[in-house]
Amino acid sequence: MRVLGWIMSIKKIVQAQYQSIVDRAVNQSEDWAIPQEGWIRTVRKALGMSGSQLARRLGRTRAAVSNMERAELSGSVSIKNMQQMAKAMNCRFVYAIIPEVSIENLIQNRAKEKAITIVAKANSHMALEAQALDKERIEFEVNRIKNIFINDPSTDLWND
């Protein structure tokens, strides 16, 4: 039993490290927004570089550069192409998946959502037997189950 507790605490430490990485990215990217013309064209124009000049640096045609600029705007450009374009402009390409709220809030919200579903289902079965929970008890159970999901990384928090 002691080994199981140790393994669980290691999992929480590892999860906290990942959360820290994501939260740092959120903090660093709060003002990021894709420019109206896309990053490729915006950076190219900021450098005063023509499409033909970028094409030569890439060893491609001007039409290929134009196609990649359009592909970026439509969301169909590849990460590899973005990296190549950035490198040709002496830049680096960075991508990230940034949550709308902190990781902690995402987990809290999901845990509460799951707990509400579980308690509601149990309460509806109990109501059929005239044993429905009162509002205070429902709230207590939701919080209790939510905390189990939050504190035990082995739970099925993300299973639907």
C-alpha atoms as a PDB file:
ATOM      1  CA  MET A   1       0.000   0.000   0.000  1.00  0.00           C
ATOM      2  CA  ARG A   2       2.881   2.357   0.801  1.00  0.00           C
ATOM      3  CA  VAL A   3       4.374   1.771  -2.686  1.00  0.00           C
ATOM      4  CA  LEU A   4       1.037   2.649  -4.315  1.00  0.00           C
ATOM      5  CA  GLY A   5       0.939   5.976  -2.436  1.00  0.00           C
ATOM      6  CA  TRP A   6       4.493   6.708  -3.533  1.00  0.00           C
ATOM      7  CA  ILE A   7       3.656   5.979  -7.178  1.00  0.00           C
ATOM      8  CA  MET A   8       0.579   8.222  -6.946  1.00  0.00           C
ATOM      9  CA  SER A   9       2.648  11.087  -5.535  1.00  0.00           C
ATOM     10  CA  ILE A  10       5.202  10.689  -8.351  1.00  0.00           C
ATOM     11  CA  LYS A  11       2.366  10.895 -10.882  1.00  0.00           C
ATOM     12  CA  LYS A  12       1.112  14.109  -9.257  1.00  0.00           C
ATOM     13  CA  ILE A  13       4.623  15.603  -9.351  1.00  0.00           C
ATOM     14  CA  VAL A  14       5.009  14.731 -13.027  1.00  0.00           C
ATOM     15  CA  GLN A  15       1.561  16.133 -13.824  1.00  0.00           C
ATOM     16  CA  ALA A  16       2.423  19.351 -11.954  1.00  0.00           C
ATOM     17  CA  GLN A  17       5.600  19.685 -14.037  1.00  0.00           C
ATOM     18  CA  TYR A  18       3.581  19.391 -17.248  1.00  0.00           C
ATOM     19  CA  GLN A  19       1.034  21.887 -15.936  1.00  0.00           C
ATOM     20  CA  SER A  20       3.854  24.327 -15.229  1.00  0.00           C
ATOM     21  CA  ILE A  21       5.115  24.040 -18.808  1.00  0.00           C
ATOM     22  CA  VAL A  22       1.669  24.731 -20.254  1.00  0.00           C
ATOM     23  CA  ASP A  23       0.927  27.569 -17.836  1.00  0.00           C
ATOM     24  CA  ARG A  24       4.272  29.197 -18.726  1.00  0.00           C
ATOM     25  CA  ALA A  25       3.339  29.005 -22.409  1.00  0.00           C
ATOM     26  CA  VAL A  26      -0.043  30.578 -21.654  1.00  0.00           C
ATOM     27  CA  ASN A  27       1.613  33.453 -19.815  1.00  0.00           C
ATOM     28  CA  GLN A  28       4.112  34.040 -22.629  1.00  0.00           C
ATOM     29  CA  SER A  29       1.503  33.970 -25.377  1.00  0.00           C
ATOM     30  CA  GLU A  30      -1.325  36.076 -23.993  1.00  0.00           C
ATOM     31  CA  ASP A  31      -0.963  38.716 -26.715  1.00  0.00           C
ATOM     32  CA  TRP A  32      -0.350  36.370 -29.628  1.00  0.00           C
ATOM     33  CA  ALA A  33      -2.790  36.596 -32.461  1.00  0.00           C
ATOM     34  CA  ILE A  34      -2.375  35.512 -36.049  1.00  0.00           C
ATOM     35  CA  PRO A  35      -1.975  38.634 -38.174  1.00  0.00           C
ATOM     36  CA  GLN A  36      -4.697  39.205 -40.753  1.00  0.00           C
ATOM     37  CA  GLU A  37      -2.305  38.353 -43.606  1.00  0.00           C
ATOM     38  CA  GLY A  38      -0.728  35.433 -41.721  1.00  0.00           C
ATOM     39  CA  TRP A  39       2.714  35.166 -40.162  1.00  0.00           C
ATOM     40  CA  ILE A  40       4.632  34.323 -43.343  1.00  0.00           C
ATOM     41  CA  ARG A  41       3.512  37.359 -45.315  1.00  0.00           C
ATOM     42  CA  THR A  42       3.614  39.668 -42.272  1.00  0.00           C
ATOM     43  CA  VAL A  43       7.206  38.764 -41.353  1.00  0.00           C
ATOM     44  CA  ARG A  44       8.288  38.796 -44.998  1.00  0.00           C
ATOM     45  CA  LYS A  45       6.857  42.301 -45.443  1.00  0.00           C
ATOM     46  CA  ALA A  46       8.332  43.451 -42.114  1.00  0.00           C
ATOM     47  CA  LEU A  47      11.734  42.381 -43.428  1.00  0.00           C
ATOM     48  CA  GLY A  48      11.130  44.174 -46.721  1.00  0.00           C
ATOM     49  CA  MET A  49      11.528  40.841 -48.512  1.00  0.00           C
ATOM     50  CA  SER A  50       9.622  40.154 -51.712  1.00  0.00           C
ATOM     51  CA  GLY A  51       7.925  36.856 -52.414  1.00  0.00           C
ATOM     52  CA  SER A  52      10.476  36.210 -55.150  1.00  0.00           C
ATOM     53  CA  GLN A  53      13.367  36.808 -52.764  1.00  0.00           C
ATOM     54  CA  LEU A  54      11.888  34.394 -50.215  1.00  0.00           C
ATOM     55  CA  ALA A  55      11.307  31.864 -52.988  1.00  0.00           C
ATOM     56  CA  ARG A  56      14.987  32.062 -54.021  1.00  0.00           C
ATOM     57  CA  ARG A  57      16.102  31.581 -50.420  1.00  0.00           C
ATOM     58  CA  LEU A  58      13.882  28.487 -50.217  1.00  0.00           C
ATOM     59  CA  GLY A  59      14.882  27.128 -53.621  1.00  0.00           C
ATOM     60  CA  ARG A  60      11.257  27.276 -54.721  1.00  0.00           C
ATOM     61  CA  THR A  61       9.103  29.313 -57.068  1.00  0.00           C
ATOM     62  CA  ARG A  62       7.279  32.542 -56.257  1.00  0.00           C
ATOM     63  CA  ALA A  63       4.027  30.643 -56.853  1.00  0.00           C
ATOM     64  CA  ALA A  64       5.030  28.086 -54.185  1.00  0.00           C
ATOM     65  CA  VAL A  65       5.578  30.900 -51.656  1.00  0.00           C
ATOM     66  CA  SER A  66       2.239  32.434 -52.568  1.00  0.00           C
ATOM     67  CA  ASN A  67       0.557  29.024 -52.181  1.00  0.00           C
ATOM     68  CA  MET A  68       2.119  28.566 -48.730  1.00  0.00           C
ATOM     69  CA  GLU A  69       0.971  32.024 -47.653  1.00  0.00           C
ATOM     70  CA  ARG A  70      -2.579  31.111 -48.715  1.00  0.00           C
ATOM     71  CA  ALA A  71      -2.286  27.671 -47.094  1.00  0.00           C
ATOM     72  CA  GLU A  72      -1.323  29.320 -43.814  1.00  0.00           C
ATOM     73  CA  LEU A  73      -4.454  31.473 -43.918  1.00  0.00           C
ATOM     74  CA  SER A  74      -6.677  28.466 -44.658  1.00  0.00           C
ATOM     75  CA  GLY A  75      -5.003  26.400 -41.938  1.00  0.00           C
ATOM     76  CA  SER A  76      -3.643  23.777 -44.317  1.00  0.00           C
ATOM     77  CA  VAL A  77       0.060  24.676 -44.235  1.00  0.00           C
ATOM     78  CA  SER A  78       2.297  22.002 -42.736  1.00  0.00           C
ATOM     79  CA  ILE A  79       4.486  22.542 -39.712  1.00  0.00           C
ATOM     80  CA  LYS A  80       7.471  21.531 -41.844  1.00  0.00           C
ATOM     81  CA  ASN A  81       6.672  24.261 -44.395  1.00  0.00           C
ATOM     82  CA  MET A  82       6.255  26.853 -41.647  1.00  0.00           C
ATOM     83  CA  GLN A  83       9.649  25.850 -40.229  1.00  0.00           C
ATOM     84  CA  GLN A  84      11.271  26.145 -43.656  1.00  0.00           C
ATOM     85  CA  MET A  85       9.694  29.555 -44.299  1.00  0.00           C
ATOM     86  CA  ALA A  86      10.790  30.833 -40.893  1.00  0.00           C
ATOM     87  CA  LYS A  87      14.344  29.585 -41.376  1.00  0.00           C
ATOM     88  CA  ALA A  88      14.545  31.216 -44.821  1.00  0.00           C
ATOM     89  CA  MET A  89      13.646  34.530 -43.137  1.00  0.00           C
ATOM     90  CA  ASN A  90      16.212  33.993 -40.335  1.00  0.00           C
ATOM     91  CA  CYS A  91      13.401  33.351 -37.855  1.00  0.00           C
ATOM     92  CA  ARG A  92      12.225  30.342 -35.942  1.00  0.00           C
ATOM     93  CA  PHE A  93       8.794  28.810 -36.080  1.00  0.00           C
ATOM     94  CA  VAL A  94       7.022  28.180 -32.789  1.00  0.00           C
ATOM     95  CA  TYR A  95       3.737  26.376 -32.321  1.00  0.00           C
ATOM     96  CA  ALA A  96       1.753  25.618 -29.214  1.00  0.00           C
ATOM     97  CA  ILE A  97      -1.577  24.418 -27.968  1.00  0.00           C
ATOM     98  CA  ILE A  98      -2.677  27.056 -25.508  1.00  0.00           C
ATOM     99  CA  PRO A  99      -5.683  26.464 -23.253  1.00  0.00           C
ATOM    100  CA  GLU A 100      -8.239  29.247 -22.882  1.00  0.00           C
ATOM    101  CA  VAL A 101      -7.935  29.016 -19.084  1.00  0.00           C
ATOM    102  CA  SER A 102      -5.247  27.637 -16.781  1.00  0.00           C
ATOM    103  CA  ILE A 103      -4.697  23.892 -16.715  1.00  0.00           C
ATOM    104  CA  GLU A 104      -5.805  23.895 -13.082  1.00  0.00           C
ATOM    105  CA  ASN A 105      -9.101  25.527 -14.054  1.00  0.00           C
ATOM    106  CA  LEU A 106      -9.602  23.069 -16.919  1.00  0.00           C
ATOM    107  CA  ILE A 107      -9.133  20.152 -14.542  1.00  0.00           C
ATOM    108  CA  GLN A 108     -11.370  21.721 -11.873  1.00  0.00           C
ATOM    109  CA  ASN A 109     -14.130  22.414 -14.415  1.00  0.00           C
ATOM    110  CA  ARG A 110     -13.952  18.925 -15.905  1.00  0.00           C
ATOM    111  CA  ALA A 111     -13.911  17.293 -12.456  1.00  0.00           C
ATOM    112  CA  LYS A 112     -16.971  19.277 -11.405  1.00  0.00           C
ATOM    113  CA  GLU A 113     -18.779  18.451 -14.652  1.00  0.00           C
ATOM    114  CA  LYS A 114     -18.096  14.713 -14.167  1.00  0.00           C
ATOM    115  CA  ALA A 115     -19.064  14.855 -10.488  1.00  0.00           C
ATOM    116  CA  ILE A 116     -22.367  16.606 -11.288  1.00  0.00           C
ATOM    117  CA  THR A 117     -23.171  13.942 -13.885  1.00  0.00           C
ATOM    118  CA  ILE A 118     -22.418  11.105 -11.460  1.00  0.00           C
ATOM    119  CA  VAL A 119     -24.385  12.628  -8.582  1.00  0.00           C
ATOM    120  CA  ALA A 120     -27.325  13.520 -10.823  1.00  0.00           C
ATOM    121  CA  LYS A 121     -27.503   9.969 -12.167  1.00  0.00           C
ATOM    122  CA  ALA A 122     -27.301   8.463  -8.667  1.00  0.00           C
ATOM    123  CA  ASN A 123     -29.861  10.938  -7.342  1.00  0.00           C
ATOM    124  CA  SER A 124     -32.345  10.154 -10.106  1.00  0.00           C
ATOM    125  CA  HIS A 125     -32.126   6.442  -9.244  1.00  0.00           C
ATOM    126  CA  MET A 126     -32.552   7.250  -5.556  1.00  0.00           C
ATOM    127  CA  ALA A 127     -35.557   9.466  -6.324  1.00  0.00           C
ATOM    128  CA  LEU A 128     -37.298   6.491  -7.897  1.00  0.00           C
ATOM    129  CA  GLU A 129     -37.079   4.865  -4.485  1.00  0.00           C
ATOM    130  CA  ALA A 130     -38.164   8.063  -2.686  1.00  0.00           C
ATOM    131  CA  GLN A 131     -34.634   8.591  -1.349  1.00  0.00           C
ATOM    132  CA  ALA A 132     -33.602  11.697  -3.289  1.00  0.00           C
ATOM    133  CA  LEU A 133     -30.790  13.766  -1.812  1.00  0.00           C
ATOM    134  CA  ASP A 134     -31.417  17.284  -0.555  1.00  0.00           C
ATOM    135  CA  LYS A 135     -29.645  20.228  -2.181  1.00  0.00           C
ATOM    136  CA  GLU A 136     -27.002  20.452   0.547  1.00  0.00           C
ATOM    137  CA  ARG A 137     -26.132  16.754   0.290  1.00  0.00           C
ATOM    138  CA  ILE A 138     -25.952  16.960  -3.507  1.00  0.00           C
ATOM    139  CA  GLU A 139     -23.485  19.849  -3.249  1.00  0.00           C
ATOM    140  CA  PHE A 140     -21.422  17.934  -0.674  1.00  0.00           C
ATOM    141  CA  GLU A 141     -21.267  14.834  -2.895  1.00  0.00           C
ATOM    142  CA  VAL A 142     -20.382  16.842  -5.998  1.00  0.00           C
ATOM    143  CA  ASN A 143     -17.467  18.462  -4.148  1.00  0.00           C
ATOM    144  CA  ARG A 144     -16.354  15.150  -2.663  1.00  0.00           C
ATOM    145  CA  ILE A 145     -16.316  13.389  -6.030  1.00  0.00           C
ATOM    146  CA  LYS A 146     -14.745  16.409  -7.750  1.00  0.00           C
ATOM    147  CA  ASN A 147     -11.864  16.270  -5.257  1.00  0.00           C
ATOM    148  CA  ILE A 148     -11.359  12.576  -5.921  1.00  0.00           C
ATOM    149  CA  PHE A 149     -10.992  13.298  -9.633  1.00  0.00           C
ATOM    150  CA  ILE A 150      -8.588  16.175  -8.963  1.00  0.00           C
ATOM    151  CA  ASN A 151      -6.409  14.394  -6.414  1.00  0.00           C
ATOM    152  CA  ASP A 152      -6.176  10.971  -8.029  1.00  0.00           C
ATOM    153  CA  PRO A 153      -4.458  11.079 -11.434  1.00  0.00           C
ATOM    154  CA  SER A 154      -5.448   7.456 -12.105  1.00  0.00           C
ATOM    155  CA  THR A 155      -9.126   8.378 -12.380  1.00  0.00           C
ATOM    156  CA  ASP A 156     -11.020   8.445 -15.650  1.00  0.00           C
ATOM    157  CA  LEU A 157     -11.442  12.225 -15.615  1.00  0.00           C
ATOM    158  CA  TRP A 158     -11.327  12.535 -19.400  1.00  0.00           C
ATOM    159  CA  ASN A 159     -13.382   9.438 -20.230  1.00  0.00           C
ATOM    160  CA  ASP A 160     -16.886  10.231 -21.398  1.00  0.00           C
END
